[in-house]
């Protein structure tokens, strides 16, 4: 059955691919984005589709929409971007979660939070199982993202327990592919760009680390 779906951060790297998949599956999609890191070109090919619409909006502000599902992907994910304005980053994570949950509660909609491997902080266990609680630093320069995502997860589970909201939380690890910005600043994109430029490859740690990679 076709659903009316809200994708926050829908013009971003992952969000735009999600919009593609949802449209292909026959759903109606509202792409919400403030274009802080999202790009109009990522969703330009969908503009003529009658099942797709754009809402230029910041998730820090309340969200009003009639929808069946919500995917909250709004937040800069690269350290280059989220450390540019750390206060805005944590507000996007916390207020974005609250406003997504508020919209879901109003509509009795299912809502998904795109979380991150960064909730584990600087982990001492590799790979990290969901049962691992992490080794976190709430006052470090990465905390605006790490702690913001951790708080968002807390809000999601509290809304589920207190209000019976139908929630989903996914912790996304390193992801790369089309529409990823060249200056993303994370290990896979750095590796690729250094190789393309013929530069020496940066080795992170002792070179024995592994990571989960998805190709879109």
N, C-alpha and C. Protein backbone atom coordinates (compact mmCIF):
# COMPACT_ATOMS: atom_id res chain seq x y z
N UNK A 1 0.84 -1.19 0.00
CA UNK A 1 0.00 0.00 0.00
C UNK A 1 0.88 1.25 0.00
N UNK A 2 0.53 2.21 -0.84
CA UNK A 2 1.31 3.43 -0.93
C UNK A 2 1.22 4.25 0.35
N UNK A 3 2.35 4.80 0.78
CA UNK A 3 2.41 5.62 1.98
C UNK A 3 2.83 7.05 1.62
N UNK A 4 2.45 7.95 2.49
CA UNK A 4 2.93 9.33 2.37
C UNK A 4 4.09 9.47 3.34
N UNK A 5 5.28 9.76 2.81
CA UNK A 5 6.52 9.64 3.58
C UNK A 5 7.24 10.98 3.65
N UNK A 6 7.70 11.33 4.86
CA UNK A 6 8.54 12.50 5.06
C UNK A 6 9.97 12.06 5.27
N UNK A 7 10.90 12.61 4.49
CA UNK A 7 12.33 12.31 4.65
C UNK A 7 13.02 13.61 5.02
N UNK A 8 13.43 13.75 6.29
CA UNK A 8 14.19 14.94 6.67
C UNK A 8 15.65 14.74 6.25
N UNK A 9 16.27 15.80 5.76
CA UNK A 9 17.60 15.64 5.17
C UNK A 9 17.53 14.92 3.85
N UNK A 10 16.39 15.05 3.16
CA UNK A 10 16.15 14.27 1.94
C UNK A 10 16.98 14.68 0.74
N UNK A 11 17.65 15.83 0.79
CA UNK A 11 18.51 16.24 -0.31
C UNK A 11 19.97 15.91 -0.05
N UNK A 12 20.23 15.22 1.04
CA UNK A 12 21.59 14.83 1.37
C UNK A 12 22.03 13.58 0.63
N UNK A 13 23.23 13.13 0.93
CA UNK A 13 23.82 11.95 0.29
C UNK A 13 22.93 10.72 0.47
N UNK A 14 22.68 10.33 1.70
CA UNK A 14 21.84 9.15 1.94
C UNK A 14 20.37 9.46 1.72
N UNK A 15 19.94 10.64 2.16
CA UNK A 15 18.52 10.99 2.06
C UNK A 15 18.01 10.98 0.64
N UNK A 16 18.83 11.46 -0.30
CA UNK A 16 18.38 11.49 -1.70
C UNK A 16 18.24 10.09 -2.28
N UNK A 17 19.11 9.18 -1.88
CA UNK A 17 18.98 7.79 -2.33
C UNK A 17 17.72 7.15 -1.73
N UNK A 18 17.43 7.49 -0.48
CA UNK A 18 16.22 6.98 0.15
C UNK A 18 14.98 7.50 -0.58
N UNK A 19 14.99 8.78 -0.95
CA UNK A 19 13.87 9.33 -1.73
C UNK A 19 13.69 8.55 -3.03
N UNK A 20 14.79 8.25 -3.71
CA UNK A 20 14.73 7.46 -4.95
C UNK A 20 14.04 6.13 -4.71
N UNK A 21 14.46 5.43 -3.66
CA UNK A 21 13.92 4.10 -3.38
C UNK A 21 12.44 4.15 -3.03
N UNK A 22 12.06 5.14 -2.25
CA UNK A 22 10.66 5.26 -1.84
C UNK A 22 9.76 5.59 -3.04
N UNK A 23 10.22 6.50 -3.90
CA UNK A 23 9.46 6.83 -5.11
C UNK A 23 9.33 5.60 -6.00
N UNK A 24 10.44 4.87 -6.15
CA UNK A 24 10.42 3.66 -6.99
C UNK A 24 9.47 2.61 -6.45
N UNK A 25 9.27 2.61 -5.14
CA UNK A 25 8.37 1.65 -4.50
C UNK A 25 6.91 2.10 -4.54
N UNK A 26 6.67 3.26 -5.12
CA UNK A 26 5.29 3.71 -5.31
C UNK A 26 4.75 4.61 -4.21
N UNK A 27 5.63 5.14 -3.36
CA UNK A 27 5.17 6.01 -2.27
C UNK A 27 5.21 7.49 -2.68
N UNK A 28 4.47 8.31 -1.94
CA UNK A 28 4.55 9.77 -2.09
C UNK A 28 5.59 10.28 -1.10
N UNK A 29 6.47 11.14 -1.55
CA UNK A 29 7.60 11.56 -0.72
C UNK A 29 7.64 13.08 -0.57
N UNK A 30 7.78 13.52 0.68
CA UNK A 30 8.08 14.92 0.98
C UNK A 30 9.53 14.98 1.42
N UNK A 31 10.35 15.69 0.67
CA UNK A 31 11.77 15.86 0.99
C UNK A 31 11.92 17.16 1.77
N UNK A 32 12.30 17.06 3.04
CA UNK A 32 12.50 18.24 3.88
C UNK A 32 14.00 18.47 4.04
N UNK A 33 14.46 19.68 3.73
CA UNK A 33 15.89 19.97 3.84
C UNK A 33 16.09 21.47 3.94
N UNK A 34 17.10 21.89 4.72
CA UNK A 34 17.45 23.32 4.76
C UNK A 34 18.64 23.63 3.86
N UNK A 35 19.20 22.60 3.21
CA UNK A 35 20.30 22.72 2.26
C UNK A 35 21.58 23.27 2.90
N UNK A 36 21.78 22.97 4.17
CA UNK A 36 23.04 23.31 4.83
C UNK A 36 24.16 22.45 4.26
N UNK A 37 23.92 21.16 4.14
CA UNK A 37 24.87 20.27 3.45
C UNK A 37 24.19 19.53 2.30
N UNK A 38 22.87 19.46 2.29
CA UNK A 38 22.15 18.83 1.19
C UNK A 38 22.31 19.64 -0.09
N UNK A 39 22.14 18.98 -1.22
CA UNK A 39 22.33 19.63 -2.52
C UNK A 39 21.07 19.46 -3.38
N UNK A 40 20.65 20.55 -3.99
CA UNK A 40 19.47 20.49 -4.86
C UNK A 40 19.69 19.53 -6.03
N UNK A 41 20.93 19.46 -6.49
CA UNK A 41 21.21 18.58 -7.63
C UNK A 41 20.98 17.11 -7.28
N UNK A 42 21.03 16.77 -6.00
CA UNK A 42 20.82 15.37 -5.60
C UNK A 42 19.39 14.91 -5.84
N UNK A 43 18.45 15.85 -5.84
CA UNK A 43 17.04 15.46 -6.03
C UNK A 43 16.44 16.13 -7.26
N UNK A 44 17.28 16.76 -8.10
CA UNK A 44 16.78 17.48 -9.27
C UNK A 44 16.00 16.56 -10.22
N UNK A 45 16.45 15.31 -10.31
CA UNK A 45 15.80 14.37 -11.23
C UNK A 45 14.41 13.95 -10.77
N UNK A 46 14.05 14.28 -9.52
CA UNK A 46 12.75 13.90 -8.99
C UNK A 46 11.73 15.04 -9.06
N UNK A 47 12.17 16.23 -9.42
CA UNK A 47 11.30 17.41 -9.33
C UNK A 47 10.06 17.31 -10.20
N UNK A 48 10.17 16.65 -11.33
CA UNK A 48 9.02 16.53 -12.24
C UNK A 48 8.09 15.39 -11.86
N UNK A 49 8.46 14.61 -10.86
CA UNK A 49 7.63 13.48 -10.46
C UNK A 49 6.48 13.97 -9.58
N UNK A 50 5.23 13.68 -9.94
CA UNK A 50 4.09 14.18 -9.16
C UNK A 50 4.00 13.59 -7.76
N UNK A 51 4.75 12.53 -7.50
CA UNK A 51 4.74 11.91 -6.17
C UNK A 51 5.82 12.48 -5.26
N UNK A 52 6.51 13.51 -5.74
CA UNK A 52 7.62 14.07 -4.98
C UNK A 52 7.43 15.56 -4.78
N UNK A 53 7.71 16.04 -3.56
CA UNK A 53 7.69 17.47 -3.31
C UNK A 53 8.79 17.85 -2.32
N UNK A 54 9.24 19.12 -2.40
CA UNK A 54 10.29 19.61 -1.53
C UNK A 54 9.69 20.58 -0.51
N UNK A 55 10.12 20.45 0.73
CA UNK A 55 9.79 21.40 1.78
C UNK A 55 11.10 21.98 2.29
N UNK A 56 11.37 23.25 1.96
CA UNK A 56 12.59 23.89 2.47
C UNK A 56 12.30 24.30 3.91
N UNK A 57 12.95 23.61 4.83
CA UNK A 57 12.62 23.78 6.25
C UNK A 57 13.78 23.26 7.09
N UNK A 58 13.94 23.82 8.28
CA UNK A 58 14.98 23.39 9.21
C UNK A 58 14.32 22.57 10.31
N UNK A 59 14.85 21.37 10.58
CA UNK A 59 14.23 20.50 11.59
C UNK A 59 14.34 21.07 13.00
N UNK A 60 15.13 22.12 13.18
CA UNK A 60 15.18 22.78 14.49
C UNK A 60 13.81 23.40 14.81
N UNK A 61 13.05 23.71 13.75
CA UNK A 61 11.70 24.28 13.91
C UNK A 61 10.66 23.16 13.83
N UNK A 62 9.49 23.36 14.47
CA UNK A 62 8.43 22.34 14.43
C UNK A 62 8.06 21.95 13.01
N UNK A 63 7.69 20.70 12.83
CA UNK A 63 7.34 20.15 11.53
C UNK A 63 5.84 19.87 11.49
N UNK A 64 5.17 20.39 10.47
CA UNK A 64 3.74 20.15 10.30
C UNK A 64 3.52 19.50 8.94
N UNK A 65 3.11 18.25 8.95
CA UNK A 65 2.85 17.52 7.71
C UNK A 65 1.98 16.32 8.04
N UNK A 66 1.14 15.93 7.09
CA UNK A 66 0.30 14.75 7.24
C UNK A 66 0.99 13.59 6.53
N UNK A 67 1.53 12.68 7.33
CA UNK A 67 2.33 11.59 6.77
C UNK A 67 2.07 10.28 7.51
N UNK A 68 2.47 9.18 6.86
CA UNK A 68 2.36 7.84 7.46
C UNK A 68 3.69 7.37 8.04
N UNK A 69 4.78 7.74 7.37
CA UNK A 69 6.12 7.35 7.82
C UNK A 69 7.01 8.59 7.85
N UNK A 70 7.98 8.58 8.77
CA UNK A 70 8.98 9.64 8.84
C UNK A 70 10.36 8.99 8.94
N UNK A 71 11.29 9.46 8.11
CA UNK A 71 12.69 9.04 8.20
C UNK A 71 13.50 10.28 8.57
N UNK A 72 14.07 10.31 9.78
CA UNK A 72 14.83 11.48 10.22
C UNK A 72 16.31 11.28 9.91
N UNK A 73 16.75 11.85 8.79
CA UNK A 73 18.15 11.77 8.38
C UNK A 73 18.84 13.12 8.43
N UNK A 74 18.17 14.12 8.99
CA UNK A 74 18.70 15.48 8.95
C UNK A 74 19.83 15.67 9.95
N UNK A 75 21.02 15.89 9.45
CA UNK A 75 22.19 16.27 10.26
C UNK A 75 23.44 16.11 9.42
N UNK A 76 24.35 17.09 9.43
CA UNK A 76 25.63 16.87 8.77
C UNK A 76 26.37 15.72 9.44
N UNK A 77 26.90 14.79 8.64
CA UNK A 77 27.51 13.58 9.21
C UNK A 77 29.03 13.59 9.18
N UNK A 78 29.62 14.45 8.37
CA UNK A 78 31.08 14.50 8.26
C UNK A 78 31.64 15.45 9.30
N UNK A 79 32.77 15.08 9.96
CA UNK A 79 33.40 16.00 10.92
C UNK A 79 33.70 17.37 10.32
N UNK A 80 34.06 17.41 9.03
CA UNK A 80 34.33 18.68 8.37
C UNK A 80 33.11 19.59 8.46
N UNK A 81 31.93 19.01 8.32
CA UNK A 81 30.70 19.79 8.29
C UNK A 81 30.10 20.00 9.67
N UNK A 82 30.07 18.93 10.50
CA UNK A 82 29.38 19.12 11.77
C UNK A 82 30.21 19.91 12.79
N UNK A 83 31.53 19.99 12.59
CA UNK A 83 32.34 20.81 13.50
C UNK A 83 32.39 22.27 13.06
N UNK A 84 31.85 22.57 11.89
CA UNK A 84 31.80 23.95 11.41
C UNK A 84 30.92 24.82 12.31
N UNK A 85 29.82 24.23 12.80
CA UNK A 85 28.90 24.95 13.68
C UNK A 85 28.37 23.94 14.70
N UNK A 86 29.17 23.63 15.74
CA UNK A 86 28.82 22.56 16.66
C UNK A 86 27.52 22.80 17.42
N UNK A 87 27.21 24.06 17.74
CA UNK A 87 25.95 24.33 18.45
C UNK A 87 24.76 23.99 17.55
N UNK A 88 24.86 24.39 16.29
CA UNK A 88 23.78 24.07 15.35
C UNK A 88 23.67 22.55 15.15
N UNK A 89 24.81 21.87 15.16
CA UNK A 89 24.80 20.42 14.98
C UNK A 89 24.03 19.72 16.10
N UNK A 90 24.32 20.09 17.34
CA UNK A 90 23.62 19.40 18.44
C UNK A 90 22.16 19.81 18.48
N UNK A 91 21.84 21.05 18.09
CA UNK A 91 20.44 21.45 18.01
C UNK A 91 19.71 20.67 16.92
N UNK A 92 20.39 20.45 15.80
CA UNK A 92 19.78 19.68 14.72
C UNK A 92 19.49 18.26 15.18
N UNK A 93 20.43 17.66 15.91
CA UNK A 93 20.22 16.30 16.41
C UNK A 93 19.09 16.23 17.43
N UNK A 94 19.13 17.11 18.42
CA UNK A 94 18.17 17.02 19.53
C UNK A 94 16.81 17.57 19.13
N UNK A 95 16.77 18.82 18.64
CA UNK A 95 15.50 19.41 18.24
C UNK A 95 14.92 18.70 17.02
N UNK A 96 15.80 18.25 16.12
CA UNK A 96 15.32 17.50 14.96
C UNK A 96 14.63 16.22 15.37
N UNK A 97 15.19 15.53 16.37
CA UNK A 97 14.56 14.31 16.88
C UNK A 97 13.22 14.65 17.54
N UNK A 98 13.21 15.67 18.38
CA UNK A 98 11.97 16.07 19.06
C UNK A 98 10.88 16.45 18.06
N UNK A 99 11.22 17.24 17.06
CA UNK A 99 10.22 17.68 16.10
C UNK A 99 9.76 16.54 15.18
N UNK A 100 10.66 15.62 14.86
CA UNK A 100 10.25 14.44 14.08
C UNK A 100 9.31 13.57 14.90
N UNK A 101 9.63 13.39 16.17
CA UNK A 101 8.79 12.60 17.06
C UNK A 101 7.44 13.28 17.28
N UNK A 102 7.46 14.60 17.42
CA UNK A 102 6.20 15.33 17.60
C UNK A 102 5.29 15.18 16.40
N UNK A 103 5.87 15.27 15.20
CA UNK A 103 5.08 15.07 13.98
C UNK A 103 4.55 13.66 13.89
N UNK A 104 5.38 12.68 14.26
CA UNK A 104 4.96 11.28 14.25
C UNK A 104 3.82 11.05 15.24
N UNK A 105 3.93 11.63 16.42
CA UNK A 105 2.89 11.47 17.44
C UNK A 105 1.58 12.07 16.97
N UNK A 106 1.65 13.24 16.34
CA UNK A 106 0.45 13.90 15.85
C UNK A 106 -0.25 13.07 14.78
N UNK A 107 0.54 12.36 13.96
CA UNK A 107 -0.01 11.58 12.85
C UNK A 107 -0.17 10.10 13.16
N UNK A 108 0.28 9.68 14.36
CA UNK A 108 0.36 8.26 14.68
C UNK A 108 1.15 7.52 13.60
N UNK A 109 2.29 8.12 13.23
CA UNK A 109 3.11 7.62 12.13
C UNK A 109 4.30 6.82 12.68
N UNK A 110 4.81 5.92 11.86
CA UNK A 110 6.07 5.25 12.18
C UNK A 110 7.21 6.20 11.89
N UNK A 111 8.22 6.21 12.76
CA UNK A 111 9.33 7.15 12.59
C UNK A 111 10.66 6.44 12.81
N UNK A 112 11.61 6.72 11.93
CA UNK A 112 12.93 6.12 11.99
C UNK A 112 13.98 7.19 12.24
N UNK A 113 14.89 6.90 13.15
CA UNK A 113 16.03 7.77 13.44
C UNK A 113 17.30 7.18 12.83
N UNK A 114 17.93 7.98 11.97
CA UNK A 114 19.23 7.58 11.43
C UNK A 114 20.30 7.96 12.45
N UNK A 115 20.79 6.97 13.18
CA UNK A 115 21.83 7.20 14.17
C UNK A 115 23.18 6.85 13.54
N UNK A 116 24.17 6.57 14.35
CA UNK A 116 25.54 6.47 13.84
C UNK A 116 26.40 5.57 14.71
N UNK A 117 27.46 5.07 14.13
CA UNK A 117 28.45 4.32 14.90
C UNK A 117 29.13 5.20 15.94
N UNK A 118 29.03 6.52 15.76
CA UNK A 118 29.68 7.45 16.69
C UNK A 118 29.06 7.42 18.08
N UNK A 119 27.90 6.80 18.24
CA UNK A 119 27.32 6.69 19.59
C UNK A 119 28.20 5.81 20.49
N UNK A 120 29.11 5.03 19.89
CA UNK A 120 30.03 4.20 20.68
C UNK A 120 31.28 4.99 21.10
N UNK A 121 31.40 6.24 20.63
CA UNK A 121 32.55 7.05 20.99
C UNK A 121 33.83 6.50 20.41
N UNK A 122 34.86 6.41 21.25
CA UNK A 122 36.15 5.83 20.86
C UNK A 122 36.16 4.39 21.37
N UNK A 123 35.58 3.47 20.63
CA UNK A 123 35.29 2.14 21.16
C UNK A 123 36.54 1.32 21.48
N UNK A 124 36.41 0.50 22.51
CA UNK A 124 37.48 -0.41 22.91
C UNK A 124 37.17 -1.85 22.48
N UNK A 125 36.04 -2.02 21.78
CA UNK A 125 35.60 -3.33 21.30
C UNK A 125 35.40 -3.22 19.79
N UNK A 126 35.96 -4.16 19.03
CA UNK A 126 35.84 -4.14 17.57
C UNK A 126 35.51 -5.55 17.07
N UNK A 127 34.53 -5.70 16.19
CA UNK A 127 33.51 -4.71 15.86
C UNK A 127 32.54 -4.52 17.03
N UNK A 128 31.73 -3.47 17.00
CA UNK A 128 30.86 -3.16 18.13
C UNK A 128 29.51 -3.87 18.00
N UNK A 129 29.16 -4.70 18.99
CA UNK A 129 27.79 -5.25 19.03
C UNK A 129 26.85 -4.21 19.63
N UNK A 130 25.56 -4.36 19.42
CA UNK A 130 24.61 -3.39 19.96
C UNK A 130 24.63 -3.38 21.49
N UNK A 131 25.07 -4.46 22.08
CA UNK A 131 25.11 -4.53 23.55
C UNK A 131 26.25 -3.70 24.14
N UNK A 132 27.23 -3.29 23.31
CA UNK A 132 28.36 -2.50 23.79
C UNK A 132 27.92 -1.07 24.07
N UNK A 133 28.30 -0.52 25.21
CA UNK A 133 27.83 0.81 25.62
C UNK A 133 28.78 1.93 25.20
N UNK A 134 29.98 1.60 24.78
CA UNK A 134 30.86 2.62 24.24
C UNK A 134 31.79 3.25 25.25
N UNK A 135 32.68 4.11 24.74
CA UNK A 135 33.61 4.89 25.55
C UNK A 135 33.53 6.32 25.04
N UNK A 136 32.69 7.12 25.68
CA UNK A 136 32.32 8.42 25.11
C UNK A 136 32.94 9.58 25.87
N UNK A 137 33.06 10.70 25.18
CA UNK A 137 33.60 11.93 25.75
C UNK A 137 32.58 13.05 25.51
N UNK A 138 31.81 13.44 26.51
CA UNK A 138 30.74 14.42 26.29
C UNK A 138 31.21 15.85 26.10
N UNK A 139 32.52 16.12 26.26
CA UNK A 139 33.00 17.49 26.13
C UNK A 139 34.04 17.65 25.03
N UNK A 140 34.26 16.63 24.23
CA UNK A 140 35.23 16.72 23.13
C UNK A 140 34.66 17.45 21.93
N UNK A 141 35.52 17.70 20.93
CA UNK A 141 35.08 18.47 19.76
C UNK A 141 34.11 17.68 18.88
N UNK A 142 34.06 16.36 19.04
CA UNK A 142 33.13 15.55 18.27
C UNK A 142 31.81 15.35 19.00
N UNK A 143 31.73 15.81 20.24
CA UNK A 143 30.56 15.52 21.09
C UNK A 143 29.27 16.12 20.55
N UNK A 144 29.37 17.24 19.81
CA UNK A 144 28.16 17.84 19.27
C UNK A 144 27.40 16.85 18.39
N UNK A 145 28.14 16.00 17.70
CA UNK A 145 27.53 14.96 16.86
C UNK A 145 27.26 13.69 17.66
N UNK A 146 28.30 13.19 18.34
CA UNK A 146 28.17 11.92 19.08
C UNK A 146 27.07 12.00 20.15
N UNK A 147 27.15 13.01 21.02
CA UNK A 147 26.19 13.13 22.11
C UNK A 147 24.82 13.54 21.59
N UNK A 148 24.81 14.32 20.51
CA UNK A 148 23.53 14.68 19.91
C UNK A 148 22.78 13.47 19.41
N UNK A 149 23.49 12.55 18.76
CA UNK A 149 22.87 11.32 18.27
C UNK A 149 22.47 10.40 19.42
N UNK A 150 23.26 10.37 20.48
CA UNK A 150 22.92 9.55 21.64
C UNK A 150 21.63 10.08 22.29
N UNK A 151 21.54 11.39 22.42
CA UNK A 151 20.33 11.99 22.99
C UNK A 151 19.13 11.72 22.11
N UNK A 152 19.32 11.78 20.80
CA UNK A 152 18.22 11.49 19.87
C UNK A 152 17.71 10.06 20.07
N UNK A 153 18.62 9.11 20.23
CA UNK A 153 18.20 7.73 20.49
C UNK A 153 17.41 7.65 21.79
N UNK A 154 17.88 8.35 22.83
CA UNK A 154 17.17 8.35 24.11
C UNK A 154 15.76 8.87 23.93
N UNK A 155 15.60 9.97 23.21
CA UNK A 155 14.28 10.55 22.98
C UNK A 155 13.37 9.56 22.25
N UNK A 156 13.92 8.89 21.26
CA UNK A 156 13.11 7.93 20.50
C UNK A 156 12.59 6.81 21.40
N UNK A 157 13.44 6.27 22.22
CA UNK A 157 13.00 5.16 23.07
C UNK A 157 12.08 5.63 24.19
N UNK A 158 12.28 6.87 24.67
CA UNK A 158 11.37 7.40 25.68
C UNK A 158 10.00 7.68 25.09
N UNK A 159 9.93 8.17 23.86
CA UNK A 159 8.64 8.37 23.19
C UNK A 159 7.95 7.02 22.96
N UNK A 160 8.73 6.01 22.66
CA UNK A 160 8.15 4.67 22.48
C UNK A 160 7.57 4.15 23.79
N UNK A 161 8.35 4.27 24.87
CA UNK A 161 7.89 3.75 26.16
C UNK A 161 6.74 4.57 26.73
N UNK A 162 6.82 5.89 26.60
CA UNK A 162 5.83 6.76 27.23
C UNK A 162 4.57 6.93 26.39
N UNK A 163 4.73 7.01 25.06
CA UNK A 163 3.59 7.30 24.20
C UNK A 163 3.22 6.15 23.26
N UNK A 164 3.98 5.05 23.31
CA UNK A 164 3.68 3.92 22.45
C UNK A 164 3.96 4.18 20.98
N UNK A 165 4.85 5.14 20.69
CA UNK A 165 5.15 5.48 19.30
C UNK A 165 5.89 4.34 18.60
N UNK A 166 5.56 4.13 17.35
CA UNK A 166 6.19 3.08 16.54
C UNK A 166 7.51 3.62 16.00
N UNK A 167 8.62 3.21 16.60
CA UNK A 167 9.93 3.78 16.25
C UNK A 167 10.85 2.73 15.64
N UNK A 168 11.85 3.22 14.92
CA UNK A 168 12.97 2.42 14.44
C UNK A 168 14.23 3.25 14.62
N UNK A 169 15.34 2.63 14.99
CA UNK A 169 16.63 3.31 15.11
C UNK A 169 17.68 2.46 14.40
N UNK A 170 18.42 3.07 13.48
CA UNK A 170 19.50 2.36 12.79
C UNK A 170 20.81 3.10 13.03
N UNK A 171 21.86 2.36 13.35
CA UNK A 171 23.19 2.94 13.54
C UNK A 171 24.00 2.69 12.29
N UNK A 172 24.20 3.76 11.52
CA UNK A 172 24.86 3.65 10.22
C UNK A 172 26.36 3.83 10.40
N UNK A 173 27.13 2.91 9.83
CA UNK A 173 28.59 2.99 9.88
C UNK A 173 29.09 3.66 8.59
N UNK A 174 30.35 3.52 8.26
CA UNK A 174 30.92 4.18 7.08
C UNK A 174 30.17 3.78 5.82
N UNK A 175 29.68 4.77 5.11
CA UNK A 175 28.92 4.55 3.88
C UNK A 175 29.48 5.47 2.80
N UNK A 176 29.57 4.98 1.59
CA UNK A 176 30.10 5.81 0.51
C UNK A 176 29.42 5.45 -0.79
N UNK A 177 29.53 6.32 -1.77
CA UNK A 177 28.93 6.05 -3.06
C UNK A 177 28.59 7.33 -3.80
N UNK A 178 27.79 7.23 -4.87
CA UNK A 178 27.40 8.40 -5.65
C UNK A 178 26.73 9.47 -4.78
N UNK A 179 27.01 10.72 -5.10
CA UNK A 179 26.47 11.93 -4.43
C UNK A 179 27.18 12.25 -3.13
N UNK A 180 28.18 11.45 -2.75
CA UNK A 180 28.99 11.80 -1.59
C UNK A 180 29.93 12.93 -1.99
N UNK A 181 30.08 13.94 -1.15
CA UNK A 181 30.95 15.06 -1.50
C UNK A 181 32.42 14.64 -1.42
N UNK A 182 33.22 15.19 -2.32
CA UNK A 182 34.64 14.82 -2.38
C UNK A 182 35.39 15.23 -1.12
N UNK A 183 34.93 16.30 -0.48
CA UNK A 183 35.61 16.78 0.74
C UNK A 183 34.92 16.29 2.00
N UNK A 184 34.31 15.13 1.93
CA UNK A 184 33.58 14.58 3.07
C UNK A 184 34.46 14.46 4.31
N UNK A 185 35.71 14.08 4.13
CA UNK A 185 36.66 14.08 5.24
C UNK A 185 36.76 12.79 6.02
N UNK A 186 36.00 11.76 5.62
CA UNK A 186 36.09 10.49 6.33
C UNK A 186 37.00 9.53 5.60
N UNK A 187 37.29 8.39 6.23
CA UNK A 187 38.40 7.56 5.79
C UNK A 187 38.25 7.07 4.35
N UNK A 188 37.07 6.61 3.95
CA UNK A 188 36.93 6.04 2.60
C UNK A 188 37.07 7.11 1.54
N UNK A 189 36.38 8.24 1.71
CA UNK A 189 36.48 9.31 0.72
C UNK A 189 37.90 9.90 0.69
N UNK A 190 38.55 10.01 1.84
CA UNK A 190 39.94 10.48 1.86
C UNK A 190 40.85 9.54 1.07
N UNK A 191 40.66 8.24 1.29
CA UNK A 191 41.46 7.22 0.61
C UNK A 191 41.29 7.35 -0.91
N UNK A 192 40.03 7.47 -1.35
CA UNK A 192 39.75 7.54 -2.79
C UNK A 192 40.33 8.81 -3.40
N UNK A 193 40.12 9.95 -2.73
CA UNK A 193 40.61 11.22 -3.27
C UNK A 193 42.14 11.26 -3.31
N UNK A 194 42.80 10.71 -2.28
CA UNK A 194 44.26 10.67 -2.29
C UNK A 194 44.77 9.81 -3.43
N UNK A 195 44.09 8.69 -3.67
CA UNK A 195 44.48 7.80 -4.77
C UNK A 195 44.30 8.50 -6.12
N UNK A 196 43.18 9.20 -6.29
CA UNK A 196 42.91 9.88 -7.55
C UNK A 196 43.90 11.01 -7.82
N UNK A 197 44.36 11.64 -6.73
CA UNK A 197 45.32 12.74 -6.88
C UNK A 197 46.77 12.24 -6.92
N UNK A 198 46.97 10.94 -6.77
CA UNK A 198 48.31 10.38 -6.79
C UNK A 198 49.12 10.70 -5.55
N UNK A 199 48.44 10.95 -4.44
CA UNK A 199 49.11 11.29 -3.19
C UNK A 199 49.39 10.04 -2.37
N UNK A 200 50.27 10.17 -1.38
CA UNK A 200 50.49 9.08 -0.44
C UNK A 200 49.20 8.83 0.34
N UNK A 201 48.90 7.55 0.56
CA UNK A 201 47.66 7.19 1.25
C UNK A 201 47.86 7.30 2.76
N UNK A 202 46.95 7.97 3.42
CA UNK A 202 46.99 8.08 4.87
C UNK A 202 46.54 6.78 5.51
N UNK A 203 47.34 6.26 6.43
CA UNK A 203 46.97 5.06 7.18
C UNK A 203 46.43 5.50 8.54
N UNK A 204 45.21 5.06 8.85
CA UNK A 204 44.58 5.42 10.11
C UNK A 204 44.87 4.34 11.15
N UNK A 205 45.43 4.74 12.28
CA UNK A 205 45.78 3.76 13.30
C UNK A 205 46.96 2.93 12.83
N UNK A 206 46.90 1.63 13.13
CA UNK A 206 48.01 0.75 12.72
C UNK A 206 47.70 0.00 11.42
N UNK A 207 46.59 0.37 10.80
CA UNK A 207 46.25 -0.24 9.51
C UNK A 207 45.51 -1.56 9.61
N UNK A 208 45.17 -2.01 10.82
CA UNK A 208 44.49 -3.30 10.97
C UNK A 208 42.99 -3.14 11.17
N UNK A 209 42.48 -1.88 11.23
CA UNK A 209 41.06 -1.67 11.48
C UNK A 209 40.20 -2.18 10.33
N UNK A 210 38.99 -2.50 10.65
CA UNK A 210 38.02 -2.87 9.63
C UNK A 210 36.83 -1.94 9.77
N UNK A 211 36.03 -1.84 8.71
CA UNK A 211 34.81 -1.04 8.79
C UNK A 211 33.78 -1.63 7.85
N UNK A 212 32.52 -1.35 8.16
CA UNK A 212 31.42 -1.82 7.31
C UNK A 212 31.20 -0.81 6.20
N UNK A 213 31.18 -1.27 4.96
CA UNK A 213 31.03 -0.37 3.82
C UNK A 213 29.83 -0.77 3.00
N UNK A 214 29.06 0.23 2.58
CA UNK A 214 27.92 -0.01 1.70
C UNK A 214 28.12 0.79 0.42
N UNK A 215 27.80 0.18 -0.70
CA UNK A 215 27.87 0.88 -1.98
C UNK A 215 26.45 1.07 -2.49
N UNK A 216 26.11 2.33 -2.75
CA UNK A 216 24.76 2.62 -3.21
C UNK A 216 24.70 2.58 -4.71
